[in-house]
Protein backbone atom coordinates (compact mmCIF):
# COMPACT_ATOMS: atom_id res chain seq x y z
CA MET A 1 -87.77 -17.34 -6.77
CA PHE A 2 -90.66 -14.92 -7.10
CA THR A 3 -90.32 -11.33 -5.97
CA LYS A 4 -92.97 -9.30 -4.23
CA GLU A 5 -93.48 -7.46 -7.52
CA ASP A 6 -94.08 -10.80 -9.29
CA TYR A 7 -96.77 -11.66 -6.76
CA GLN A 8 -98.31 -8.19 -7.04
CA SER A 9 -98.47 -8.57 -10.82
CA TYR A 10 -99.93 -12.07 -10.57
CA PHE A 11 -102.65 -11.09 -8.11
CA SER A 12 -103.46 -8.00 -10.16
CA ILE A 13 -104.10 -10.28 -13.14
CA ILE A 14 -106.17 -12.64 -10.99
CA ASP A 15 -108.23 -9.72 -9.66
CA ALA A 16 -108.92 -8.47 -13.18
CA LYS A 17 -110.03 -11.95 -14.32
CA GLU A 18 -112.31 -12.37 -11.32
CA ARG A 19 -113.94 -8.98 -11.95
CA GLU A 20 -114.33 -9.88 -15.63
CA MET A 21 -116.18 -13.07 -14.65
CA VAL A 22 -118.47 -11.14 -12.29
CA ARG A 23 -119.36 -8.72 -15.12
CA PHE A 24 -119.89 -11.56 -17.60
CA LEU A 25 -122.12 -13.59 -15.27
CA SER A 26 -124.06 -10.52 -14.16
CA GLN A 27 -124.85 -9.75 -17.79
CA ALA A 28 -125.59 -13.37 -18.75
CA LEU A 29 -127.86 -14.31 -15.85
CA PRO A 30 -130.84 -12.14 -16.87
CA ARG A 31 -130.86 -13.90 -20.25
CA ILE A 32 -130.92 -17.44 -18.81
CA ASN A 33 -134.38 -18.99 -18.54
CA ASP A 34 -133.45 -22.50 -17.41
CA ALA A 35 -133.79 -22.54 -13.62
CA ARG A 36 -131.18 -25.28 -13.18
CA VAL A 37 -128.61 -23.37 -15.21
CA ARG A 38 -129.44 -20.12 -13.40
CA LYS A 39 -128.94 -21.80 -10.03
CA VAL A 40 -125.47 -23.03 -11.01
CA LEU A 41 -124.45 -19.70 -12.54
CA GLU A 42 -125.69 -17.83 -9.47
CA ALA A 43 -123.52 -20.08 -7.29
CA ILE A 44 -120.54 -19.41 -9.55
CA LEU A 45 -121.23 -15.66 -9.39
CA LYS A 46 -121.28 -15.83 -5.60
CA ASP A 47 -117.89 -17.60 -5.66
CA GLU A 48 -116.46 -15.07 -8.12
CA ASN A 49 -117.52 -12.20 -5.85
CA ARG A 50 -115.82 -13.97 -2.94
CA HIS A 51 -112.70 -14.47 -5.07
CA CYS A 52 -112.64 -10.73 -5.87
CA LYS A 53 -112.63 -9.92 -2.16
CA LEU A 54 -109.85 -12.43 -1.50
CA ALA A 55 -107.73 -11.10 -4.36
CA LYS A 56 -108.08 -7.58 -2.96
CA GLN A 57 -107.09 -8.80 0.50
CA LEU A 58 -103.99 -10.48 -0.90
CA SER A 59 -103.10 -7.40 -2.91
CA SER A 60 -103.55 -5.25 0.17
CA CYS A 61 -101.27 -7.52 2.19
CA LEU A 62 -98.55 -7.20 -0.41
CA ASP A 63 -98.94 -3.42 -0.55
CA LEU A 64 -98.65 -3.12 3.22
CA GLU A 65 -95.31 -4.92 3.21
CA LYS A 66 -93.56 -2.40 0.93
């Protein structure tokens, strides 16, 4: 069974990965000239930003239950 600390660690890792993807895509997008590729990457970036917010919400919920 997972402990609260296990979940906190897991969501901390997820949050870091999501933020890493946001940074990567934000840096890559200006270099992409193909409009079709840009459109897909922009959609992915939007999702990654949403994932960051969700990961923070989950982390906050776990912190509140200490």
